[in-house]
Amino acid sequence: QSKLSSMTTSSADDKAWAPLSLMEQFCYPIVFQASVGSQLSLMLTDNEVCLKNFRDFLEGMPLLFAQVPPIFVTKAVRAREAMVREVSRLQYADSARPLLKDRYEKLVM
């Protein structure tokens, strides 16, 4: 079970448990696993950092689609860039789905 789906902390020093919203507890992890696992790599579905970045990106996506300047949605832009860096790592190449392998080969070659 994902740590993010069951607990969160209010700061790095504070280890107290805090309740998560329904979206954080159920929706984001399920959508993340379905999207990333089916299109990119099953190895990424357990990546807690990727899940957090996915959530941050989804929260800003409507504004990005509305062509709001990136300066106003920096959290979403940074989260997307972090996800792209993570997906680009070679450790996921062996378990990558055909879509990702094809895309990676076109970008690298």
C-alpha atoms as a PDB file:
ATOM      1  CA  GLN A   1       0.000   0.000   0.000  1.00  0.00           C
ATOM      2  CA  SER A   2       1.267   3.450  -0.886  1.00  0.00           C
ATOM      3  CA  LYS A   3       2.474   5.645   1.957  1.00  0.00           C
ATOM      4  CA  LEU A   4       0.861   8.673   0.351  1.00  0.00           C
ATOM      5  CA  SER A   5      -2.490   6.961   0.193  1.00  0.00           C
ATOM      6  CA  SER A   6      -2.578   6.249   3.913  1.00  0.00           C
ATOM      7  CA  MET A   7      -0.776   9.082   5.669  1.00  0.00           C
ATOM      8  CA  THR A   8       0.969  12.380   5.292  1.00  0.00           C
ATOM      9  CA  THR A   9       3.037  14.587   7.559  1.00  0.00           C
ATOM     10  CA  SER A  10       2.634  18.304   8.063  1.00  0.00           C
ATOM     11  CA  SER A  11       6.400  18.914   7.872  1.00  0.00           C
ATOM     12  CA  ALA A  12       9.654  17.004   7.585  1.00  0.00           C
ATOM     13  CA  ASP A  13      10.223  17.207  11.355  1.00  0.00           C
ATOM     14  CA  ASP A  14       6.642  16.460  12.388  1.00  0.00           C
ATOM     15  CA  LYS A  15       5.795  12.755  12.222  1.00  0.00           C
ATOM     16  CA  ALA A  16       2.128  13.170  13.186  1.00  0.00           C
ATOM     17  CA  TRP A  17      -0.473  11.543  11.002  1.00  0.00           C
ATOM     18  CA  ALA A  18      -2.906  13.783   9.181  1.00  0.00           C
ATOM     19  CA  PRO A  19      -6.076  12.776   7.326  1.00  0.00           C
ATOM     20  CA  LEU A  20      -6.019  12.770   3.530  1.00  0.00           C
ATOM     21  CA  SER A  21      -8.823  13.861   1.282  1.00  0.00           C
ATOM     22  CA  LEU A  22     -10.791  11.335  -0.754  1.00  0.00           C
ATOM     23  CA  MET A  23      -8.917  12.471  -3.873  1.00  0.00           C
ATOM     24  CA  GLU A  24      -5.525  11.934  -2.217  1.00  0.00           C
ATOM     25  CA  GLN A  25      -6.498   8.620  -0.669  1.00  0.00           C
ATOM     26  CA  PHE A  26      -8.178   6.907  -3.615  1.00  0.00           C
ATOM     27  CA  CYS A  27      -8.447   8.840  -6.862  1.00  0.00           C
ATOM     28  CA  TYR A  28      -4.901  10.061  -7.480  1.00  0.00           C
ATOM     29  CA  PRO A  29      -3.213   6.701  -6.755  1.00  0.00           C
ATOM     30  CA  ILE A  30      -5.697   4.778  -8.927  1.00  0.00           C
ATOM     31  CA  VAL A  31      -5.508   7.200 -11.856  1.00  0.00           C
ATOM     32  CA  PHE A  32      -1.715   7.321 -11.499  1.00  0.00           C
ATOM     33  CA  GLN A  33      -1.346   3.531 -11.496  1.00  0.00           C
ATOM     34  CA  ALA A  34      -3.744   3.101 -14.412  1.00  0.00           C
ATOM     35  CA  SER A  35      -2.088   5.814 -16.492  1.00  0.00           C
ATOM     36  CA  VAL A  36       1.559   5.155 -15.743  1.00  0.00           C
ATOM     37  CA  GLY A  37       1.312   1.375 -15.466  1.00  0.00           C
ATOM     38  CA  SER A  38      -0.528   0.887 -18.732  1.00  0.00           C
ATOM     39  CA  GLN A  39       1.297   3.486 -20.809  1.00  0.00           C
ATOM     40  CA  LEU A  40       4.808   3.759 -19.398  1.00  0.00           C
ATOM     41  CA  SER A  41       6.120   1.163 -16.946  1.00  0.00           C
ATOM     42  CA  LEU A  42       4.763  -0.952 -14.107  1.00  0.00           C
ATOM     43  CA  MET A  43       7.922  -0.163 -12.139  1.00  0.00           C
ATOM     44  CA  LEU A  44       6.858   3.479 -11.906  1.00  0.00           C
ATOM     45  CA  THR A  45       3.529   2.717 -10.233  1.00  0.00           C
ATOM     46  CA  ASP A  46       5.199   2.285  -6.817  1.00  0.00           C
ATOM     47  CA  ASN A  47       7.256   5.476  -7.099  1.00  0.00           C
ATOM     48  CA  GLU A  48       6.027   7.807  -4.325  1.00  0.00           C
ATOM     49  CA  VAL A  49       7.819  10.852  -5.733  1.00  0.00           C
ATOM     50  CA  CYS A  50       6.250  10.289  -9.152  1.00  0.00           C
ATOM     51  CA  LEU A  51       2.814   9.984  -7.530  1.00  0.00           C
ATOM     52  CA  LYS A  52       3.270  13.316  -5.751  1.00  0.00           C
ATOM     53  CA  ASN A  53       4.450  14.982  -8.966  1.00  0.00           C
ATOM     54  CA  PHE A  54       1.530  13.443 -10.858  1.00  0.00           C
ATOM     55  CA  ARG A  55      -0.901  14.902  -8.310  1.00  0.00           C
ATOM     56  CA  ASP A  56       0.740  18.338  -8.475  1.00  0.00           C
ATOM     57  CA  PHE A  57       0.639  18.275 -12.271  1.00  0.00           C
ATOM     58  CA  LEU A  58      -3.021  17.212 -12.390  1.00  0.00           C
ATOM     59  CA  GLU A  59      -4.006  20.042 -10.059  1.00  0.00           C
ATOM     60  CA  GLY A  60      -2.471  22.601 -12.442  1.00  0.00           C
ATOM     61  CA  MET A  61      -3.410  20.923 -15.720  1.00  0.00           C
ATOM     62  CA  PRO A  62      -6.707  22.815 -16.300  1.00  0.00           C
ATOM     63  CA  LEU A  63      -4.847  26.104 -16.048  1.00  0.00           C
ATOM     64  CA  LEU A  64      -2.111  24.868 -18.378  1.00  0.00           C
ATOM     65  CA  PHE A  65      -4.731  23.795 -20.932  1.00  0.00           C
ATOM     66  CA  ALA A  66      -6.307  27.237 -20.609  1.00  0.00           C
ATOM     67  CA  GLN A  67      -2.905  28.638 -21.649  1.00  0.00           C
ATOM     68  CA  VAL A  68      -2.292  30.421 -18.375  1.00  0.00           C
ATOM     69  CA  PRO A  69       1.354  31.595 -18.418  1.00  0.00           C
ATOM     70  CA  PRO A  70       3.631  29.016 -16.761  1.00  0.00           C
ATOM     71  CA  ILE A  71       4.767  31.565 -14.186  1.00  0.00           C
ATOM     72  CA  PHE A  72       1.336  31.230 -12.532  1.00  0.00           C
ATOM     73  CA  VAL A  73       1.432  27.426 -12.406  1.00  0.00           C
ATOM     74  CA  THR A  74       5.076  26.812 -11.529  1.00  0.00           C
ATOM     75  CA  LYS A  75       4.237  23.894  -9.226  1.00  0.00           C
ATOM     76  CA  ALA A  76       2.538  22.015 -12.073  1.00  0.00           C
ATOM     77  CA  VAL A  77       5.307  22.853 -14.544  1.00  0.00           C
ATOM     78  CA  ARG A  78       8.018  21.675 -12.125  1.00  0.00           C
ATOM     79  CA  ALA A  79       6.074  18.511 -11.362  1.00  0.00           C
ATOM     80  CA  ARG A  80       5.743  17.704 -15.065  1.00  0.00           C
ATOM     81  CA  GLU A  81       9.460  18.287 -15.638  1.00  0.00           C
ATOM     82  CA  ALA A  82      10.298  16.027 -12.691  1.00  0.00           C
ATOM     83  CA  MET A  83       8.040  13.280 -14.071  1.00  0.00           C
ATOM     84  CA  VAL A  84       9.695  13.531 -17.486  1.00  0.00           C
ATOM     85  CA  ARG A  85      13.149  13.239 -15.859  1.00  0.00           C
ATOM     86  CA  GLU A  86      12.026  10.223 -13.841  1.00  0.00           C
ATOM     87  CA  VAL A  87      10.510   8.438 -16.834  1.00  0.00           C
ATOM     88  CA  SER A  88      13.659   9.134 -18.854  1.00  0.00           C
ATOM     89  CA  ARG A  89      15.878   7.247 -16.403  1.00  0.00           C
ATOM     90  CA  LEU A  90      17.400   4.118 -17.876  1.00  0.00           C
ATOM     91  CA  GLN A  91      16.334   1.876 -14.971  1.00  0.00           C
ATOM     92  CA  TYR A  92      12.805   1.867 -16.420  1.00  0.00           C
ATOM     93  CA  ALA A  93      13.901   0.970 -19.957  1.00  0.00           C
ATOM     94  CA  ASP A  94      13.655  -2.809 -19.474  1.00  0.00           C
ATOM     95  CA  SER A  95      10.118  -2.706 -18.101  1.00  0.00           C
ATOM     96  CA  ALA A  96       8.905   0.059 -20.408  1.00  0.00           C
ATOM     97  CA  ARG A  97       5.750  -0.381 -22.427  1.00  0.00           C
ATOM     98  CA  PRO A  98       6.109  -0.433 -26.239  1.00  0.00           C
ATOM     99  CA  LEU A  99       4.789   3.140 -26.486  1.00  0.00           C
ATOM    100  CA  LEU A 100       7.527   4.460 -24.219  1.00  0.00           C
ATOM    101  CA  LYS A 101      10.252   2.348 -25.852  1.00  0.00           C
ATOM    102  CA  ASP A 102       9.289   3.624 -29.295  1.00  0.00           C
ATOM    103  CA  ARG A 103       9.185   7.223 -28.088  1.00  0.00           C
ATOM    104  CA  TYR A 104      12.502   6.895 -26.247  1.00  0.00           C
ATOM    105  CA  GLU A 105      14.219   5.401 -29.288  1.00  0.00           C
ATOM    106  CA  LYS A 106      12.967   8.259 -31.482  1.00  0.00           C
ATOM    107  CA  LEU A 107      14.112  10.896 -28.989  1.00  0.00           C
ATOM    108  CA  VAL A 108      17.541   9.386 -28.322  1.00  0.00           C
ATOM    109  CA  MET A 109      18.462   8.300 -31.840  1.00  0.00           C
END
